[in-house]
């Protein structure tokens, strides 16, 4: 064989091996890239999209979305489609319905129950101990709070709102209730359906709030008060006695709204009225003195 033909055959063979080696390297590169993408996807999902694969089987009926840092205690049941964001704490034997959303740092303590489509905004606390103490031997002794909180369907509860568990029995929030931020609801209170409670309202223990009630911002309700269905309480009112169904009250202490408005309208005129009364007092005193002198 001529030397030129031998060299040409070697070049062809070497070129073929190089092509095969390039294909093998390309396949290995693609495989390595796929493995890296899979690992990255796993890491991102673990860090940011929940850890469903780590939940015990008793927790869910179907997979739910639970973010890293949330804690679900033993015996809890969570309905399908529910989302628990980072920092959520769910206590033992809690029942959470379907399609609920619990935002970061929500606490639902042991035994509490909620229905479907409930939204709890960041920092809300459901089922903290009610404020109950007895005076014994000159000391305040804690009364055990062994009841629960029960929340109906389609309830929305604002950030940093607290609803205390009952001393015995149930603190109940009926379906459709909407509660703003920074609201306090005391133990054994019952809130009726479709009621609205605006920010910074405080409701003492054992109150009965009817259905479709509206409580304005910063309302205070004394313990054991009943507010009837459809009643309205104006902002910053202090309610110390029962409100009739459909009633409207305003002021601190709360009085019927028309009377409260007249009182508030008169308040700016009080200094003027006080000056007029003092002037009249002086004139009456002067007239009395004159008539007294004439009589003598």
C-alpha atoms as a PDB file:
ATOM      1  CA  UNK A   1       0.000   0.000   0.000  1.00  0.00           C
ATOM      2  CA  UNK A   2       1.395   3.408  -0.869  1.00  0.00           C
ATOM      3  CA  UNK A   3       2.438   5.503   2.128  1.00  0.00           C
ATOM      4  CA  UNK A   4      -0.068   8.214   1.214  1.00  0.00           C
ATOM      5  CA  UNK A   5      -2.980   5.745   1.294  1.00  0.00           C
ATOM      6  CA  UNK A   6      -1.861   4.428   4.719  1.00  0.00           C
ATOM      7  CA  UNK A   7      -1.698   7.910   6.136  1.00  0.00           C
ATOM      8  CA  UNK A   8      -5.132   8.710   4.736  1.00  0.00           C
ATOM      9  CA  UNK A   9      -6.632   5.580   6.384  1.00  0.00           C
ATOM     10  CA  UNK A  10      -5.128   6.501   9.741  1.00  0.00           C
ATOM     11  CA  UNK A  11      -6.535  10.007   9.478  1.00  0.00           C
ATOM     12  CA  UNK A  12      -9.999   8.666   8.635  1.00  0.00           C
ATOM     13  CA  UNK A  13      -9.937   6.213  11.518  1.00  0.00           C
ATOM     14  CA  UNK A  14      -8.741   8.883  13.929  1.00  0.00           C
ATOM     15  CA  UNK A  15     -11.419  11.296  12.694  1.00  0.00           C
ATOM     16  CA  UNK A  16     -14.108   8.647  13.263  1.00  0.00           C
ATOM     17  CA  UNK A  17     -12.962   7.967  16.822  1.00  0.00           C
ATOM     18  CA  UNK A  18     -12.855  11.684  17.534  1.00  0.00           C
ATOM     19  CA  UNK A  19     -16.439  12.078  16.285  1.00  0.00           C
ATOM     20  CA  UNK A  20     -17.587   9.182  18.486  1.00  0.00           C
ATOM     21  CA  UNK A  21     -15.727  10.649  21.466  1.00  0.00           C
ATOM     22  CA  UNK A  22     -17.367  14.060  20.847  1.00  0.00           C
ATOM     23  CA  UNK A  23     -20.815  12.442  20.800  1.00  0.00           C
ATOM     24  CA  UNK A  24     -20.090  10.533  24.040  1.00  0.00           C
ATOM     25  CA  UNK A  25     -18.821  13.688  25.748  1.00  0.00           C
ATOM     26  CA  UNK A  26     -21.846  15.647  24.551  1.00  0.00           C
ATOM     27  CA  UNK A  27     -24.201  12.990  25.949  1.00  0.00           C
ATOM     28  CA  UNK A  28     -22.349  12.938  29.247  1.00  0.00           C
ATOM     29  CA  UNK A  29     -22.535  16.737  29.418  1.00  0.00           C
ATOM     30  CA  UNK A  30     -26.293  16.646  28.793  1.00  0.00           C
ATOM     31  CA  UNK A  31     -26.729  13.963  31.444  1.00  0.00           C
ATOM     32  CA  UNK A  32     -24.698  15.964  33.965  1.00  0.00           C
ATOM     33  CA  UNK A  33     -26.732  19.078  33.141  1.00  0.00           C
ATOM     34  CA  UNK A  34     -30.010  17.178  33.638  1.00  0.00           C
ATOM     35  CA  UNK A  35     -28.796  15.863  36.998  1.00  0.00           C
ATOM     36  CA  UNK A  36     -27.790  19.363  38.071  1.00  0.00           C
ATOM     37  CA  UNK A  37     -31.169  20.792  37.015  1.00  0.00           C
ATOM     38  CA  UNK A  38     -32.934  18.025  38.951  1.00  0.00           C
ATOM     39  CA  UNK A  39     -30.891  18.735  42.065  1.00  0.00           C
ATOM     40  CA  UNK A  40     -31.500  22.485  41.731  1.00  0.00           C
ATOM     41  CA  UNK A  41     -35.245  21.891  41.340  1.00  0.00           C
ATOM     42  CA  UNK A  42     -35.264  19.665  44.444  1.00  0.00           C
ATOM     43  CA  UNK A  43     -33.323  22.240  46.459  1.00  0.00           C
ATOM     44  CA  UNK A  44     -35.562  25.134  45.421  1.00  0.00           C
ATOM     45  CA  UNK A  45     -38.746  23.191  46.102  1.00  0.00           C
ATOM     46  CA  UNK A  46     -37.460  22.102  49.490  1.00  0.00           C
ATOM     47  CA  UNK A  47     -36.457  25.620  50.440  1.00  0.00           C
ATOM     48  CA  UNK A  48     -39.303  27.660  48.986  1.00  0.00           C
ATOM     49  CA  UNK A  49     -42.231  25.477  47.969  1.00  0.00           C
ATOM     50  CA  UNK A  50     -42.960  23.313  51.006  1.00  0.00           C
ATOM     51  CA  UNK A  51     -41.973  19.884  52.176  1.00  0.00           C
ATOM     52  CA  UNK A  52     -44.980  17.747  51.479  1.00  0.00           C
ATOM     53  CA  UNK A  53     -42.891  14.581  51.316  1.00  0.00           C
ATOM     54  CA  UNK A  54     -41.875  15.065  54.955  1.00  0.00           C
ATOM     55  CA  UNK A  55     -45.442  15.104  56.344  1.00  0.00           C
ATOM     56  CA  UNK A  56     -46.706  12.080  58.251  1.00  0.00           C
ATOM     57  CA  UNK A  57     -49.542  10.265  56.524  1.00  0.00           C
ATOM     58  CA  UNK A  58     -52.118  11.184  59.187  1.00  0.00           C
ATOM     59  CA  UNK A  59     -51.879  14.896  58.438  1.00  0.00           C
ATOM     60  CA  UNK A  60     -53.612  15.269  55.115  1.00  0.00           C
ATOM     61  CA  UNK A  61     -56.415  13.836  53.050  1.00  0.00           C
ATOM     62  CA  UNK A  62     -54.650  14.910  49.856  1.00  0.00           C
ATOM     63  CA  UNK A  63     -51.353  16.766  49.501  1.00  0.00           C
ATOM     64  CA  UNK A  64     -51.336  20.262  50.962  1.00  0.00           C
ATOM     65  CA  UNK A  65     -48.743  22.980  50.550  1.00  0.00           C
ATOM     66  CA  UNK A  66     -46.659  23.423  53.671  1.00  0.00           C
ATOM     67  CA  UNK A  67     -43.655  25.706  53.528  1.00  0.00           C
ATOM     68  CA  UNK A  68     -40.337  25.174  55.241  1.00  0.00           C
ATOM     69  CA  UNK A  69     -40.389  26.166  58.915  1.00  0.00           C
ATOM     70  CA  UNK A  70     -44.062  25.347  59.496  1.00  0.00           C
ATOM     71  CA  UNK A  71     -44.831  22.795  62.206  1.00  0.00           C
ATOM     72  CA  UNK A  72     -47.768  20.395  62.267  1.00  0.00           C
ATOM     73  CA  UNK A  73     -48.248  18.507  65.542  1.00  0.00           C
ATOM     74  CA  UNK A  74     -49.374  14.929  65.933  1.00  0.00           C
ATOM     75  CA  UNK A  75     -53.047  14.182  65.434  1.00  0.00           C
ATOM     76  CA  UNK A  76     -53.716  17.325  63.383  1.00  0.00           C
ATOM     77  CA  UNK A  77     -55.877  17.046  60.257  1.00  0.00           C
ATOM     78  CA  UNK A  78     -55.502  19.446  57.333  1.00  0.00           C
ATOM     79  CA  UNK A  79     -57.901  19.525  54.384  1.00  0.00           C
ATOM     80  CA  UNK A  80     -56.854  19.424  50.766  1.00  0.00           C
ATOM     81  CA  UNK A  81     -55.736  22.609  49.068  1.00  0.00           C
ATOM     82  CA  UNK A  82     -54.723  24.298  52.326  1.00  0.00           C
ATOM     83  CA  UNK A  83     -51.504  26.352  52.429  1.00  0.00           C
ATOM     84  CA  UNK A  84     -49.337  26.815  55.528  1.00  0.00           C
ATOM     85  CA  UNK A  85     -46.667  29.486  55.114  1.00  0.00           C
ATOM     86  CA  UNK A  86     -43.301  29.577  56.964  1.00  0.00           C
ATOM     87  CA  UNK A  87     -43.483  29.780  60.742  1.00  0.00           C
ATOM     88  CA  UNK A  88     -47.038  28.471  61.092  1.00  0.00           C
ATOM     89  CA  UNK A  89     -47.667  26.333  64.188  1.00  0.00           C
ATOM     90  CA  UNK A  90     -50.525  23.830  64.226  1.00  0.00           C
ATOM     91  CA  UNK A  91     -51.131  22.194  67.601  1.00  0.00           C
ATOM     92  CA  UNK A  92     -52.172  18.670  68.475  1.00  0.00           C
ATOM     93  CA  UNK A  93     -55.588  17.444  67.344  1.00  0.00           C
ATOM     94  CA  UNK A  94     -56.289  20.651  65.387  1.00  0.00           C
ATOM     95  CA  UNK A  95     -58.770  20.403  62.522  1.00  0.00           C
ATOM     96  CA  UNK A  96     -58.272  22.676  59.493  1.00  0.00           C
ATOM     97  CA  UNK A  97     -60.683  22.482  56.557  1.00  0.00           C
ATOM     98  CA  UNK A  98     -60.103  22.625  52.832  1.00  0.00           C
ATOM     99  CA  UNK A  99     -58.593  25.517  50.845  1.00  0.00           C
ATOM    100  CA  UNK A 100     -57.546  27.489  53.917  1.00  0.00           C
ATOM    101  CA  UNK A 101     -54.593  29.900  53.934  1.00  0.00           C
ATOM    102  CA  UNK A 102     -52.483  30.393  57.060  1.00  0.00           C
ATOM    103  CA  UNK A 103     -49.897  33.107  56.512  1.00  0.00           C
ATOM    104  CA  UNK A 104     -46.524  33.349  58.227  1.00  0.00           C
ATOM    105  CA  UNK A 105     -46.294  32.956  62.006  1.00  0.00           C
ATOM    106  CA  UNK A 106     -49.921  32.045  62.562  1.00  0.00           C
ATOM    107  CA  UNK A 107     -50.535  29.910  65.662  1.00  0.00           C
ATOM    108  CA  UNK A 108     -53.461  27.511  65.976  1.00  0.00           C
ATOM    109  CA  UNK A 109     -53.253  25.852  69.360  1.00  0.00           C
ATOM    110  CA  UNK A 110     -54.292  22.375  70.395  1.00  0.00           C
ATOM    111  CA  UNK A 111     -57.813  21.150  69.780  1.00  0.00           C
ATOM    112  CA  UNK A 112     -59.075  24.167  67.836  1.00  0.00           C
ATOM    113  CA  UNK A 113     -61.191  23.693  64.723  1.00  0.00           C
ATOM    114  CA  UNK A 114     -61.824  25.700  61.590  1.00  0.00           C
ATOM    115  CA  UNK A 115     -63.951  25.159  58.504  1.00  0.00           C
ATOM    116  CA  UNK A 116     -63.243  25.588  54.817  1.00  0.00           C
ATOM    117  CA  UNK A 117     -61.755  28.600  53.012  1.00  0.00           C
ATOM    118  CA  UNK A 118     -60.578  30.293  56.209  1.00  0.00           C
ATOM    119  CA  UNK A 119     -57.841  32.930  55.867  1.00  0.00           C
ATOM    120  CA  UNK A 120     -55.606  33.731  58.841  1.00  0.00           C
ATOM    121  CA  UNK A 121     -53.227  36.625  58.276  1.00  0.00           C
ATOM    122  CA  UNK A 122     -49.703  36.871  59.649  1.00  0.00           C
ATOM    123  CA  UNK A 123     -49.310  36.639  63.409  1.00  0.00           C
ATOM    124  CA  UNK A 124     -52.896  35.662  64.226  1.00  0.00           C
ATOM    125  CA  UNK A 125     -53.234  33.475  67.338  1.00  0.00           C
ATOM    126  CA  UNK A 126     -56.152  31.094  67.640  1.00  0.00           C
ATOM    127  CA  UNK A 127     -56.705  29.351  70.971  1.00  0.00           C
ATOM    128  CA  UNK A 128     -54.438  31.189  73.403  1.00  0.00           C
ATOM    129  CA  UNK A 129     -55.504  30.863  77.037  1.00  0.00           C
ATOM    130  CA  UNK A 130     -58.422  33.029  78.080  1.00  0.00           C
ATOM    131  CA  UNK A 131     -57.749  35.749  80.653  1.00  0.00           C
ATOM    132  CA  UNK A 132     -59.063  34.046  83.764  1.00  0.00           C
ATOM    133  CA  UNK A 133     -57.690  34.410  87.302  1.00  0.00           C
ATOM    134  CA  UNK A 134     -59.182  33.886  90.746  1.00  0.00           C
ATOM    135  CA  UNK A 135     -58.188  35.698  93.943  1.00  0.00           C
ATOM    136  CA  UNK A 136     -57.049  33.144  96.496  1.00  0.00           C
ATOM    137  CA  UNK A 137     -55.223  34.063  99.678  1.00  0.00           C
ATOM    138  CA  UNK A 138     -54.447  37.518  98.331  1.00  0.00           C
ATOM    139  CA  UNK A 139     -52.848  36.095  95.165  1.00  0.00           C
ATOM    140  CA  UNK A 140     -54.073  35.801  91.588  1.00  0.00           C
ATOM    141  CA  UNK A 141     -54.345  32.119  90.670  1.00  0.00           C
ATOM    142  CA  UNK A 142     -54.710  31.041  87.051  1.00  0.00           C
ATOM    143  CA  UNK A 143     -57.957  29.306  86.089  1.00  0.00           C
ATOM    144  CA  UNK A 144     -57.228  26.484  83.626  1.00  0.00           C
ATOM    145  CA  UNK A 145     -58.558  27.211  80.148  1.00  0.00           C
ATOM    146  CA  UNK A 146     -59.541  23.845  78.705  1.00  0.00           C
ATOM    147  CA  UNK A 147     -62.036  24.815  75.995  1.00  0.00           C
ATOM    148  CA  UNK A 148     -61.378  25.401  72.309  1.00  0.00           C
ATOM    149  CA  UNK A 149     -61.985  27.882  69.485  1.00  0.00           C
ATOM    150  CA  UNK A 150     -64.282  26.915  66.621  1.00  0.00           C
ATOM    151  CA  UNK A 151     -64.245  28.900  63.363  1.00  0.00           C
ATOM    152  CA  UNK A 152     -66.809  28.440  60.585  1.00  0.00           C
ATOM    153  CA  UNK A 153     -66.446  28.572  56.806  1.00  0.00           C
ATOM    154  CA  UNK A 154     -65.319  31.618  54.787  1.00  0.00           C
ATOM    155  CA  UNK A 155     -63.946  33.490  57.792  1.00  0.00           C
ATOM    156  CA  UNK A 156     -61.073  35.968  57.384  1.00  0.00           C
ATOM    157  CA  UNK A 157     -59.024  37.043  60.400  1.00  0.00           C
ATOM    158  CA  UNK A 158     -56.543  39.917  60.242  1.00  0.00           C
ATOM    159  CA  UNK A 159     -52.900  40.173  61.231  1.00  0.00           C
ATOM    160  CA  UNK A 160     -52.034  39.865  64.927  1.00  0.00           C
ATOM    161  CA  UNK A 161     -55.626  39.255  65.929  1.00  0.00           C
ATOM    162  CA  UNK A 162     -56.111  36.963  68.938  1.00  0.00           C
ATOM    163  CA  UNK A 163     -59.091  34.741  69.721  1.00  0.00           C
ATOM    164  CA  UNK A 164     -58.893  33.104  73.151  1.00  0.00           C
ATOM    165  CA  UNK A 165     -59.970  29.551  73.872  1.00  0.00           C
ATOM    166  CA  UNK A 166     -62.957  29.011  76.139  1.00  0.00           C
ATOM    167  CA  UNK A 167     -62.538  28.319  79.828  1.00  0.00           C
ATOM    168  CA  UNK A 168     -64.987  25.452  79.269  1.00  0.00           C
ATOM    169  CA  UNK A 169     -66.802  24.765  76.015  1.00  0.00           C
ATOM    170  CA  UNK A 170     -66.254  26.824  72.870  1.00  0.00           C
ATOM    171  CA  UNK A 171     -65.337  30.318  71.730  1.00  0.00           C
ATOM    172  CA  UNK A 172     -67.233  30.374  68.419  1.00  0.00           C
ATOM    173  CA  UNK A 173     -66.745  32.478  65.280  1.00  0.00           C
ATOM    174  CA  UNK A 174     -69.585  31.721  62.857  1.00  0.00           C
ATOM    175  CA  UNK A 175     -69.309  31.437  59.078  1.00  0.00           C
ATOM    176  CA  UNK A 176     -68.702  34.542  56.990  1.00  0.00           C
ATOM    177  CA  UNK A 177     -67.251  36.681  59.798  1.00  0.00           C
ATOM    178  CA  UNK A 178     -64.597  39.212  58.736  1.00  0.00           C
ATOM    179  CA  UNK A 179     -62.194  40.428  61.418  1.00  0.00           C
ATOM    180  CA  UNK A 180     -59.633  43.190  60.880  1.00  0.00           C
ATOM    181  CA  UNK A 181     -56.091  43.463  62.281  1.00  0.00           C
ATOM    182  CA  UNK A 182     -55.267  43.753  65.990  1.00  0.00           C
ATOM    183  CA  UNK A 183     -58.608  42.565  67.353  1.00  0.00           C
ATOM    184  CA  UNK A 184     -58.951  40.766  70.713  1.00  0.00           C
ATOM    185  CA  UNK A 185     -61.840  38.360  71.323  1.00  0.00           C
ATOM    186  CA  UNK A 186     -62.126  36.969  74.834  1.00  0.00           C
ATOM    187  CA  UNK A 187     -62.921  33.464  76.028  1.00  0.00           C
ATOM    188  CA  UNK A 188     -66.386  31.945  75.537  1.00  0.00           C
ATOM    189  CA  UNK A 189     -67.529  34.743  73.259  1.00  0.00           C
ATOM    190  CA  UNK A 190     -69.814  33.889  70.330  1.00  0.00           C
ATOM    191  CA  UNK A 191     -69.732  35.974  67.131  1.00  0.00           C
ATOM    192  CA  UNK A 192     -72.648  35.478  64.728  1.00  0.00           C
ATOM    193  CA  UNK A 193     -72.534  34.941  60.972  1.00  0.00           C
ATOM    194  CA  UNK A 194     -71.390  37.670  58.562  1.00  0.00           C
ATOM    195  CA  UNK A 195     -70.395  40.089  61.313  1.00  0.00           C
ATOM    196  CA  UNK A 196     -67.672  42.675  60.649  1.00  0.00           C
ATOM    197  CA  UNK A 197     -65.212  43.670  63.378  1.00  0.00           C
ATOM    198  CA  UNK A 198     -62.864  46.541  62.538  1.00  0.00           C
ATOM    199  CA  UNK A 199     -59.279  47.019  63.755  1.00  0.00           C
ATOM    200  CA  UNK A 200     -58.269  47.430  67.408  1.00  0.00           C
ATOM    201  CA  UNK A 201     -61.622  46.321  68.775  1.00  0.00           C
ATOM    202  CA  UNK A 202     -61.571  44.491  72.104  1.00  0.00           C
ATOM    203  CA  UNK A 203     -64.372  42.112  73.099  1.00  0.00           C
ATOM    204  CA  UNK A 204     -64.361  40.790  76.662  1.00  0.00           C
ATOM    205  CA  UNK A 205     -65.236  37.272  77.698  1.00  0.00           C
ATOM    206  CA  UNK A 206     -68.663  35.624  77.447  1.00  0.00           C
ATOM    207  CA  UNK A 207     -70.155  38.190  75.062  1.00  0.00           C
ATOM    208  CA  UNK A 208     -72.809  37.376  72.483  1.00  0.00           C
ATOM    209  CA  UNK A 209     -72.397  39.239  69.193  1.00  0.00           C
ATOM    210  CA  UNK A 210     -75.261  38.614  66.785  1.00  0.00           C
ATOM    211  CA  UNK A 211     -75.277  38.064  63.036  1.00  0.00           C
ATOM    212  CA  UNK A 212     -74.534  40.880  60.558  1.00  0.00           C
ATOM    213  CA  UNK A 213     -73.315  43.161  63.334  1.00  0.00           C
ATOM    214  CA  UNK A 214     -70.812  45.922  62.522  1.00  0.00           C
ATOM    215  CA  UNK A 215     -68.318  46.971  65.202  1.00  0.00           C
ATOM    216  CA  UNK A 216     -66.300  50.051  64.201  1.00  0.00           C
ATOM    217  CA  UNK A 217     -62.635  50.581  64.932  1.00  0.00           C
ATOM    218  CA  UNK A 218     -61.416  50.660  68.547  1.00  0.00           C
ATOM    219  CA  UNK A 219     -64.745  49.570  70.017  1.00  0.00           C
ATOM    220  CA  UNK A 220     -64.607  48.149  73.537  1.00  0.00           C
ATOM    221  CA  UNK A 221     -67.237  45.640  74.695  1.00  0.00           C
ATOM    222  CA  UNK A 222     -67.561  44.803  78.393  1.00  0.00           C
ATOM    223  CA  UNK A 223     -67.945  41.200  79.537  1.00  0.00           C
ATOM    224  CA  UNK A 224     -71.286  39.353  79.293  1.00  0.00           C
ATOM    225  CA  UNK A 225     -72.773  41.973  76.934  1.00  0.00           C
ATOM    226  CA  UNK A 226     -75.189  40.904  74.178  1.00  0.00           C
ATOM    227  CA  UNK A 227     -75.302  42.817  70.889  1.00  0.00           C
ATOM    228  CA  UNK A 228     -78.329  41.879  68.800  1.00  0.00           C
ATOM    229  CA  UNK A 229     -78.499  40.904  65.145  1.00  0.00           C
ATOM    230  CA  UNK A 230     -77.879  43.704  62.680  1.00  0.00           C
ATOM    231  CA  UNK A 231     -76.737  46.216  65.311  1.00  0.00           C
ATOM    232  CA  UNK A 232     -74.094  48.838  64.568  1.00  0.00           C
ATOM    233  CA  UNK A 233     -71.565  50.231  67.019  1.00  0.00           C
ATOM    234  CA  UNK A 234     -69.663  53.371  66.042  1.00  0.00           C
ATOM    235  CA  UNK A 235     -65.901  53.730  66.243  1.00  0.00           C
ATOM    236  CA  UNK A 236     -64.293  54.190  69.689  1.00  0.00           C
ATOM    237  CA  UNK A 237     -67.525  53.343  71.473  1.00  0.00           C
ATOM    238  CA  UNK A 238     -67.538  51.733  74.906  1.00  0.00           C
ATOM    239  CA  UNK A 239     -70.395  49.224  75.129  1.00  0.00           C
ATOM    240  CA  UNK A 240     -71.212  48.404  78.754  1.00  0.00           C
ATOM    241  CA  UNK A 241     -74.801  47.181  78.380  1.00  0.00           C
ATOM    242  CA  UNK A 242     -76.835  45.185  75.848  1.00  0.00           C
ATOM    243  CA  UNK A 243     -77.658  46.587  72.408  1.00  0.00           C
ATOM    244  CA  UNK A 244     -81.015  45.694  70.873  1.00  0.00           C
ATOM    245  CA  UNK A 245     -81.216  43.973  67.465  1.00  0.00           C
ATOM    246  CA  UNK A 246     -80.956  46.560  64.703  1.00  0.00           C
ATOM    247  CA  UNK A 247     -79.845  49.235  67.148  1.00  0.00           C
ATOM    248  CA  UNK A 248     -77.151  51.818  66.523  1.00  0.00           C
ATOM    249  CA  UNK A 249     -75.026  53.167  69.372  1.00  0.00           C
ATOM    250  CA  UNK A 250     -72.123  55.561  69.616  1.00  0.00           C
ATOM    251  CA  UNK A 251     -69.880  57.106  72.240  1.00  0.00           C
ATOM    252  CA  UNK A 252     -68.277  56.129  75.534  1.00  0.00           C
ATOM    253  CA  UNK A 253     -70.372  55.067  77.282  1.00  0.00           C
ATOM    254  CA  UNK A 254     -72.332  54.040  74.206  1.00  0.00           C
ATOM    255  CA  UNK A 255     -75.784  55.614  73.853  1.00  0.00           C
ATOM    256  CA  UNK A 256     -78.275  55.644  70.952  1.00  0.00           C
ATOM    257  CA  UNK A 257     -76.554  57.134  67.935  1.00  0.00           C
ATOM    258  CA  UNK A 258     -78.953  60.102  67.317  1.00  0.00           C
ATOM    259  CA  UNK A 259     -78.577  61.248  70.918  1.00  0.00           C
ATOM    260  CA  UNK A 260     -74.811  60.766  70.764  1.00  0.00           C
ATOM    261  CA  UNK A 261     -74.585  62.863  67.586  1.00  0.00           C
ATOM    262  CA  UNK A 262     -76.550  65.721  69.174  1.00  0.00           C
ATOM    263  CA  UNK A 263     -74.279  65.565  72.201  1.00  0.00           C
ATOM    264  CA  UNK A 264     -71.171  65.620  70.021  1.00  0.00           C
ATOM    265  CA  UNK A 265     -72.548  68.548  68.002  1.00  0.00           C
ATOM    266  CA  UNK A 266     -73.064  70.503  71.227  1.00  0.00           C
ATOM    267  CA  UNK A 267     -69.583  69.825  72.605  1.00  0.00           C
ATOM    268  CA  UNK A 268     -67.765  72.586  70.626  1.00  0.00           C
ATOM    269  CA  UNK A 269     -70.267  75.123  72.035  1.00  0.00           C
ATOM    270  CA  UNK A 270     -69.719  74.184  75.677  1.00  0.00           C
ATOM    271  CA  UNK A 271     -67.200  76.987  76.443  1.00  0.00           C
ATOM    272  CA  UNK A 272     -69.575  79.557  74.956  1.00  0.00           C
ATOM    273  CA  UNK A 273     -72.557  78.111  76.832  1.00  0.00           C
ATOM    274  CA  UNK A 274     -70.555  78.078  80.080  1.00  0.00           C
ATOM    275  CA  UNK A 275     -69.704  81.769  79.673  1.00  0.00           C
ATOM    276  CA  UNK A 276     -73.383  82.565  79.011  1.00  0.00           C
ATOM    277  CA  UNK A 277     -74.502  80.649  82.112  1.00  0.00           C
ATOM    278  CA  UNK A 278     -71.965  82.471  84.327  1.00  0.00           C
ATOM    279  CA  UNK A 279     -73.122  85.818  82.922  1.00  0.00           C
ATOM    280  CA  UNK A 280     -76.737  84.927  83.686  1.00  0.00           C
ATOM    281  CA  UNK A 281     -75.786  83.846  87.197  1.00  0.00           C
ATOM    282  CA  UNK A 282     -74.140  87.205  87.847  1.00  0.00           C
ATOM    283  CA  UNK A 283     -77.174  89.128  86.510  1.00  0.00           C
ATOM    284  CA  UNK A 284     -79.594  87.077  88.594  1.00  0.00           C
ATOM    285  CA  UNK A 285     -77.467  87.652  91.671  1.00  0.00           C
ATOM    286  CA  UNK A 286     -77.446  91.402  90.944  1.00  0.00           C
ATOM    287  CA  UNK A 287     -81.241  91.478  90.501  1.00  0.00           C
ATOM    288  CA  UNK A 288     -81.744  89.568  93.735  1.00  0.00           C
ATOM    289  CA  UNK A 289     -79.494  92.023  95.549  1.00  0.00           C
ATOM    290  CA  UNK A 290     -81.437  95.019  94.159  1.00  0.00           C
ATOM    291  CA  UNK A 291     -84.846  93.594  94.993  1.00  0.00           C
ATOM    292  CA  UNK A 292     -83.572  92.678  98.431  1.00  0.00           C
ATOM    293  CA  UNK A 293     -82.417  96.270  99.032  1.00  0.00           C
ATOM    294  CA  UNK A 294     -85.798  97.680  97.881  1.00  0.00           C
ATOM    295  CA  UNK A 295     -87.668  95.357 100.244  1.00  0.00           C
ATOM    296  CA  UNK A 296     -85.733  96.724 103.177  1.00  0.00           C
END
